[in-house]
Amino acid sequence: MKNLVTAILMTIVTTVLLGLVYPLVVTGIAQVIFPEKANGQLIVKDGQVIGSQLIGQPFSSPGYFRSRPSAAGAAGYDAGASSGSNLGPTNKKLIDRVKADVEKLQAENPGKPIPIDLVTTSASGLDPHISPAAAEFQVPRVAKERGMSEAEVRQLVQAHMQGRQFGFLGETGVNVLELNLALDARSPMKK
């Protein structure tokens, strides 16, 4: 009986310490030291949250840079259903989607090689970044739609290029939401 009581008390104590106290202390410290990161690096415009620096969003208008395709959730970019498609390289559904994306991109920019990240999803389906090559591929379309020179658009892409973390982790990328917000600030889309 003594062992049973000890086991129950240890379960209660560790649950309270590790399930309540520890998470609250870590969250409190994060709120004090890194409040922006602790709250999801939200992007606020005109007092309203429009996105996060950490989660990709779909952009379909030709005047915006487009993110990678997403398999997260039914419509993609669903933060509550973060995942890849788990479709293998011989899956007909995946092959058909990639072929359709390639055809659309070839029509947009004939003769140019298509960067792989414009036709493949990330593991989470929520990647907010595209490669510099994917951004460069989209420059002519975006410049034409916005009535800007390609040089102006390239300058914005360069300004929003993010290097490797700590100088050696990951790859150089461009945050699509931040780049599109900068485009709107420089040359707003006409409605």
C-alpha atoms as a PDB file:
ATOM      1  CA  MET A   1       0.000   0.000   0.000  1.00  0.00           C
ATOM      2  CA  LYS A   2       2.874   2.331   0.846  1.00  0.00           C
ATOM      3  CA  ASN A   3       4.344   1.859  -2.657  1.00  0.00           C
ATOM      4  CA  LEU A   4       1.017   2.652  -4.294  1.00  0.00           C
ATOM      5  CA  VAL A   5       0.641   5.892  -2.324  1.00  0.00           C
ATOM      6  CA  THR A   6       4.238   6.859  -3.179  1.00  0.00           C
ATOM      7  CA  ALA A   7       3.634   6.168  -6.881  1.00  0.00           C
ATOM      8  CA  ILE A   8       0.437   8.234  -6.939  1.00  0.00           C
ATOM      9  CA  LEU A   9       2.078  11.149  -5.104  1.00  0.00           C
ATOM     10  CA  MET A  10       5.103  11.058  -7.460  1.00  0.00           C
ATOM     11  CA  THR A  11       2.773  11.076 -10.460  1.00  0.00           C
ATOM     12  CA  ILE A  12       0.901  14.102  -9.101  1.00  0.00           C
ATOM     13  CA  VAL A  13       4.093  15.976  -8.163  1.00  0.00           C
ATOM     14  CA  THR A  14       5.830  15.353 -11.523  1.00  0.00           C
ATOM     15  CA  THR A  15       2.663  16.205 -13.440  1.00  0.00           C
ATOM     16  CA  VAL A  16       2.344  19.524 -11.619  1.00  0.00           C
ATOM     17  CA  LEU A  17       6.071  20.333 -11.905  1.00  0.00           C
ATOM     18  CA  LEU A  18       6.681  19.204 -15.478  1.00  0.00           C
ATOM     19  CA  GLY A  19       3.194  19.710 -16.893  1.00  0.00           C
ATOM     20  CA  LEU A  20       2.326  23.069 -15.329  1.00  0.00           C
ATOM     21  CA  VAL A  21       5.162  24.844 -13.500  1.00  0.00           C
ATOM     22  CA  TYR A  22       7.954  24.203 -16.013  1.00  0.00           C
ATOM     23  CA  PRO A  23       5.949  25.243 -19.139  1.00  0.00           C
ATOM     24  CA  LEU A  24       4.657  28.376 -17.370  1.00  0.00           C
ATOM     25  CA  VAL A  25       8.176  29.378 -16.249  1.00  0.00           C
ATOM     26  CA  VAL A  26       9.664  28.803 -19.718  1.00  0.00           C
ATOM     27  CA  THR A  27       6.800  30.693 -21.378  1.00  0.00           C
ATOM     28  CA  GLY A  28       7.165  33.565 -18.897  1.00  0.00           C
ATOM     29  CA  ILE A  29      10.913  33.816 -19.505  1.00  0.00           C
ATOM     30  CA  ALA A  30      10.368  33.733 -23.278  1.00  0.00           C
ATOM     31  CA  GLN A  31       7.736  36.501 -23.021  1.00  0.00           C
ATOM     32  CA  VAL A  32      10.220  38.687 -21.133  1.00  0.00           C
ATOM     33  CA  ILE A  33      13.372  37.969 -23.161  1.00  0.00           C
ATOM     34  CA  PHE A  34      11.971  37.298 -26.684  1.00  0.00           C
ATOM     35  CA  PRO A  35       8.353  38.573 -26.760  1.00  0.00           C
ATOM     36  CA  GLU A  36       8.095  38.773 -30.566  1.00  0.00           C
ATOM     37  CA  LYS A  37       9.374  35.236 -31.070  1.00  0.00           C
ATOM     38  CA  ALA A  38       7.360  33.834 -28.171  1.00  0.00           C
ATOM     39  CA  ASN A  39       4.190  35.162 -29.822  1.00  0.00           C
ATOM     40  CA  GLY A  40       4.845  33.624 -33.245  1.00  0.00           C
ATOM     41  CA  GLN A  41       6.589  36.544 -34.994  1.00  0.00           C
ATOM     42  CA  LEU A  42       3.262  37.958 -36.111  1.00  0.00           C
ATOM     43  CA  ILE A  43       3.119  40.633 -38.797  1.00  0.00           C
ATOM     44  CA  VAL A  44       0.683  43.440 -37.975  1.00  0.00           C
ATOM     45  CA  LYS A  45      -0.565  45.965 -40.526  1.00  0.00           C
ATOM     46  CA  ASP A  46      -3.004  48.732 -39.648  1.00  0.00           C
ATOM     47  CA  GLY A  47      -3.568  47.163 -36.227  1.00  0.00           C
ATOM     48  CA  GLN A  48      -4.560  43.780 -37.662  1.00  0.00           C
ATOM     49  CA  VAL A  49      -2.546  40.557 -37.755  1.00  0.00           C
ATOM     50  CA  ILE A  50      -2.061  39.585 -41.393  1.00  0.00           C
ATOM     51  CA  GLY A  51       0.351  36.706 -41.012  1.00  0.00           C
ATOM     52  CA  SER A  52       3.486  35.356 -39.437  1.00  0.00           C
ATOM     53  CA  GLN A  53       7.097  35.435 -40.523  1.00  0.00           C
ATOM     54  CA  LEU A  54       7.137  31.700 -39.828  1.00  0.00           C
ATOM     55  CA  ILE A  55       4.118  30.431 -41.792  1.00  0.00           C
ATOM     56  CA  GLY A  56       3.652  30.578 -45.557  1.00  0.00           C
ATOM     57  CA  GLN A  57       0.516  31.888 -47.215  1.00  0.00           C
ATOM     58  CA  PRO A  58      -0.997  31.378 -50.651  1.00  0.00           C
ATOM     59  CA  PHE A  59      -0.797  34.219 -53.167  1.00  0.00           C
ATOM     60  CA  SER A  60      -2.635  33.778 -56.450  1.00  0.00           C
ATOM     61  CA  SER A  61      -2.689  37.269 -57.963  1.00  0.00           C
ATOM     62  CA  PRO A  62      -0.125  37.687 -60.759  1.00  0.00           C
ATOM     63  CA  GLY A  63       1.126  40.888 -59.101  1.00  0.00           C
ATOM     64  CA  TYR A  64       2.466  38.973 -56.099  1.00  0.00           C
ATOM     65  CA  PHE A  65       5.305  36.559 -55.589  1.00  0.00           C
ATOM     66  CA  ARG A  66       3.950  33.082 -55.010  1.00  0.00           C
ATOM     67  CA  SER A  67       4.959  30.711 -52.252  1.00  0.00           C
ATOM     68  CA  ARG A  68       5.843  27.071 -52.633  1.00  0.00           C
ATOM     69  CA  PRO A  69       2.918  24.724 -53.177  1.00  0.00           C
ATOM     70  CA  SER A  70       1.459  23.407 -49.912  1.00  0.00           C
ATOM     71  CA  ALA A  71      -0.055  20.059 -48.966  1.00  0.00           C
ATOM     72  CA  ALA A  72      -0.979  21.196 -45.436  1.00  0.00           C
ATOM     73  CA  GLY A  73      -4.730  20.751 -45.076  1.00  0.00           C
ATOM     74  CA  ALA A  74      -7.376  20.523 -47.774  1.00  0.00           C
ATOM     75  CA  ALA A  75      -6.656  23.926 -49.322  1.00  0.00           C
ATOM     76  CA  GLY A  76      -2.986  24.158 -48.308  1.00  0.00           C
ATOM     77  CA  TYR A  77      -1.223  26.445 -45.827  1.00  0.00           C
ATOM     78  CA  ASP A  78      -3.357  25.175 -42.926  1.00  0.00           C
ATOM     79  CA  ALA A  79      -1.224  25.642 -39.800  1.00  0.00           C
ATOM     80  CA  GLY A  80      -3.463  23.220 -37.937  1.00  0.00           C
ATOM     81  CA  ALA A  81      -2.680  20.450 -40.422  1.00  0.00           C
ATOM     82  CA  SER A  82       1.040  20.889 -40.995  1.00  0.00           C
ATOM     83  CA  SER A  83       2.399  18.059 -43.123  1.00  0.00           C
ATOM     84  CA  GLY A  84       3.597  17.020 -46.505  1.00  0.00           C
ATOM     85  CA  SER A  85       1.424  15.027 -48.858  1.00  0.00           C
ATOM     86  CA  ASN A  86       3.294  11.753 -48.242  1.00  0.00           C
ATOM     87  CA  LEU A  87       2.791  10.974 -51.920  1.00  0.00           C
ATOM     88  CA  GLY A  88       5.662   8.960 -53.400  1.00  0.00           C
ATOM     89  CA  PRO A  89       7.522   9.965 -56.572  1.00  0.00           C
ATOM     90  CA  THR A  90       5.529   7.473 -58.657  1.00  0.00           C
ATOM     91  CA  ASN A  91       2.106   8.574 -57.361  1.00  0.00           C
ATOM     92  CA  LYS A  92      -0.126   9.657 -60.263  1.00  0.00           C
ATOM     93  CA  LYS A  93      -1.772  12.460 -58.254  1.00  0.00           C
ATOM     94  CA  LEU A  94       1.627  13.999 -57.418  1.00  0.00           C
ATOM     95  CA  ILE A  95       2.923  13.588 -60.973  1.00  0.00           C
ATOM     96  CA  ASP A  96      -0.205  15.241 -62.420  1.00  0.00           C
ATOM     97  CA  ARG A  97       0.008  18.182 -59.992  1.00  0.00           C
ATOM     98  CA  VAL A  98       3.699  18.769 -60.692  1.00  0.00           C
ATOM     99  CA  LYS A  99       3.147  18.520 -64.480  1.00  0.00           C
ATOM    100  CA  ALA A 100       0.305  21.054 -64.275  1.00  0.00           C
ATOM    101  CA  ASP A 101       2.460  23.413 -62.206  1.00  0.00           C
ATOM    102  CA  VAL A 102       5.377  23.051 -64.643  1.00  0.00           C
ATOM    103  CA  GLU A 103       3.123  23.777 -67.643  1.00  0.00           C
ATOM    104  CA  LYS A 104       1.707  26.875 -65.944  1.00  0.00           C
ATOM    105  CA  LEU A 105       5.178  28.139 -65.040  1.00  0.00           C
ATOM    106  CA  GLN A 106       6.595  27.431 -68.511  1.00  0.00           C
ATOM    107  CA  ALA A 107       3.770  29.479 -70.032  1.00  0.00           C
ATOM    108  CA  GLU A 108       4.572  32.303 -67.613  1.00  0.00           C
ATOM    109  CA  ASN A 109       8.298  32.314 -68.331  1.00  0.00           C
ATOM    110  CA  PRO A 110       9.068  30.332 -71.549  1.00  0.00           C
ATOM    111  CA  GLY A 111      12.527  28.877 -71.946  1.00  0.00           C
ATOM    112  CA  LYS A 112      13.621  29.535 -68.359  1.00  0.00           C
ATOM    113  CA  PRO A 113      14.516  26.656 -66.052  1.00  0.00           C
ATOM    114  CA  ILE A 114      11.906  26.251 -63.316  1.00  0.00           C
ATOM    115  CA  PRO A 115      13.278  26.282 -59.759  1.00  0.00           C
ATOM    116  CA  ILE A 116      12.361  23.072 -57.981  1.00  0.00           C
ATOM    117  CA  ASP A 117      10.777  24.819 -54.997  1.00  0.00           C
ATOM    118  CA  LEU A 118       8.059  26.306 -57.224  1.00  0.00           C
ATOM    119  CA  VAL A 119       6.694  22.824 -57.955  1.00  0.00           C
ATOM    120  CA  THR A 120       7.482  20.881 -54.763  1.00  0.00           C
ATOM    121  CA  THR A 121       6.050  21.238 -51.285  1.00  0.00           C
ATOM    122  CA  SER A 122       8.101  21.581 -48.127  1.00  0.00           C
ATOM    123  CA  ALA A 123       7.953  18.901 -45.438  1.00  0.00           C
ATOM    124  CA  SER A 124       5.646  21.006 -43.270  1.00  0.00           C
ATOM    125  CA  GLY A 125       3.651  22.544 -46.124  1.00  0.00           C
ATOM    126  CA  LEU A 126       4.059  25.900 -44.351  1.00  0.00           C
ATOM    127  CA  ASP A 127       7.481  27.114 -45.498  1.00  0.00           C
ATOM    128  CA  PRO A 128       7.321  30.936 -45.748  1.00  0.00           C
ATOM    129  CA  HIS A 129      10.453  31.160 -47.905  1.00  0.00           C
ATOM    130  CA  ILE A 130      11.333  30.574 -51.520  1.00  0.00           C
ATOM    131  CA  SER A 131      14.811  30.290 -52.974  1.00  0.00           C
ATOM    132  CA  PRO A 132      16.488  33.276 -54.639  1.00  0.00           C
ATOM    133  CA  ALA A 133      16.122  31.402 -57.954  1.00  0.00           C
ATOM    134  CA  ALA A 134      12.345  31.033 -57.394  1.00  0.00           C
ATOM    135  CA  ALA A 135      12.066  34.757 -56.657  1.00  0.00           C
ATOM    136  CA  GLU A 136      14.143  35.645 -59.740  1.00  0.00           C
ATOM    137  CA  PHE A 137      11.923  33.415 -61.900  1.00  0.00           C
ATOM    138  CA  GLN A 138       8.865  35.432 -60.828  1.00  0.00           C
ATOM    139  CA  VAL A 139      10.394  38.918 -61.252  1.00  0.00           C
ATOM    140  CA  PRO A 140       9.237  39.499 -64.878  1.00  0.00           C
ATOM    141  CA  ARG A 141       5.595  38.629 -64.109  1.00  0.00           C
ATOM    142  CA  VAL A 142       5.449  40.706 -60.932  1.00  0.00           C
ATOM    143  CA  ALA A 143       7.186  43.704 -62.558  1.00  0.00           C
ATOM    144  CA  LYS A 144       4.801  43.638 -65.526  1.00  0.00           C
ATOM    145  CA  GLU A 145       1.678  43.364 -63.352  1.00  0.00           C
ATOM    146  CA  ARG A 146       2.778  46.184 -61.061  1.00  0.00           C
ATOM    147  CA  GLY A 147       4.073  48.496 -63.781  1.00  0.00           C
ATOM    148  CA  MET A 148       7.559  48.458 -62.243  1.00  0.00           C
ATOM    149  CA  SER A 149      10.901  47.841 -63.868  1.00  0.00           C
ATOM    150  CA  GLU A 150      12.452  44.425 -63.345  1.00  0.00           C
ATOM    151  CA  ALA A 151      15.441  46.175 -61.756  1.00  0.00           C
ATOM    152  CA  GLU A 152      13.176  47.748 -59.094  1.00  0.00           C
ATOM    153  CA  VAL A 153      11.601  44.404 -58.285  1.00  0.00           C
ATOM    154  CA  ARG A 154      15.011  42.688 -58.162  1.00  0.00           C
ATOM    155  CA  GLN A 155      16.188  45.388 -55.755  1.00  0.00           C
ATOM    156  CA  LEU A 156      13.275  44.567 -53.417  1.00  0.00           C
ATOM    157  CA  VAL A 157      14.064  40.850 -53.687  1.00  0.00           C
ATOM    158  CA  GLN A 158      17.694  41.546 -52.751  1.00  0.00           C
ATOM    159  CA  ALA A 159      16.608  43.698 -49.809  1.00  0.00           C
ATOM    160  CA  HIS A 160      14.460  40.830 -48.466  1.00  0.00           C
ATOM    161  CA  MET A 161      17.005  38.054 -48.983  1.00  0.00           C
ATOM    162  CA  GLN A 162      17.754  36.230 -45.739  1.00  0.00           C
ATOM    163  CA  GLY A 163      21.082  34.458 -45.349  1.00  0.00           C
ATOM    164  CA  ARG A 164      21.867  31.179 -43.673  1.00  0.00           C
ATOM    165  CA  GLN A 165      21.176  30.981 -39.954  1.00  0.00           C
ATOM    166  CA  PHE A 166      24.426  31.546 -38.029  1.00  0.00           C
ATOM    167  CA  GLY A 167      26.125  31.804 -41.432  1.00  0.00           C
ATOM    168  CA  PHE A 168      26.106  28.058 -42.132  1.00  0.00           C
ATOM    169  CA  LEU A 169      22.703  26.478 -41.338  1.00  0.00           C
ATOM    170  CA  GLY A 170      20.020  26.157 -43.994  1.00  0.00           C
ATOM    171  CA  GLU A 171      19.872  27.965 -47.306  1.00  0.00           C
ATOM    172  CA  THR A 172      19.470  31.553 -48.411  1.00  0.00           C
ATOM    173  CA  GLY A 173      15.804  32.407 -48.888  1.00  0.00           C
ATOM    174  CA  VAL A 174      13.248  35.141 -49.426  1.00  0.00           C
ATOM    175  CA  ASN A 175      10.233  35.492 -47.114  1.00  0.00           C
ATOM    176  CA  VAL A 176       7.305  35.744 -49.545  1.00  0.00           C
ATOM    177  CA  LEU A 177       4.874  37.580 -47.246  1.00  0.00           C
ATOM    178  CA  GLU A 178       7.434  40.217 -46.258  1.00  0.00           C
ATOM    179  CA  LEU A 179       8.457  40.701 -49.896  1.00  0.00           C
ATOM    180  CA  ASN A 180       4.838  41.099 -51.020  1.00  0.00           C
ATOM    181  CA  LEU A 181       4.182  43.617 -48.247  1.00  0.00           C
ATOM    182  CA  ALA A 182       7.209  45.601 -49.398  1.00  0.00           C
ATOM    183  CA  LEU A 183       5.851  45.490 -52.967  1.00  0.00           C
ATOM    184  CA  ASP A 184       2.500  46.825 -51.757  1.00  0.00           C
ATOM    185  CA  ALA A 185       4.257  49.633 -49.893  1.00  0.00           C
ATOM    186  CA  ARG A 186       6.349  50.578 -52.958  1.00  0.00           C
ATOM    187  CA  SER A 187       3.754  50.077 -55.692  1.00  0.00           C
ATOM    188  CA  PRO A 188       0.238  49.191 -54.464  1.00  0.00           C
ATOM    189  CA  MET A 189      -1.917  46.893 -56.583  1.00  0.00           C
ATOM    190  CA  LYS A 190      -4.758  48.655 -58.337  1.00  0.00           C
ATOM    191  CA  LYS A 191      -8.163  47.207 -57.481  1.00  0.00           C
END
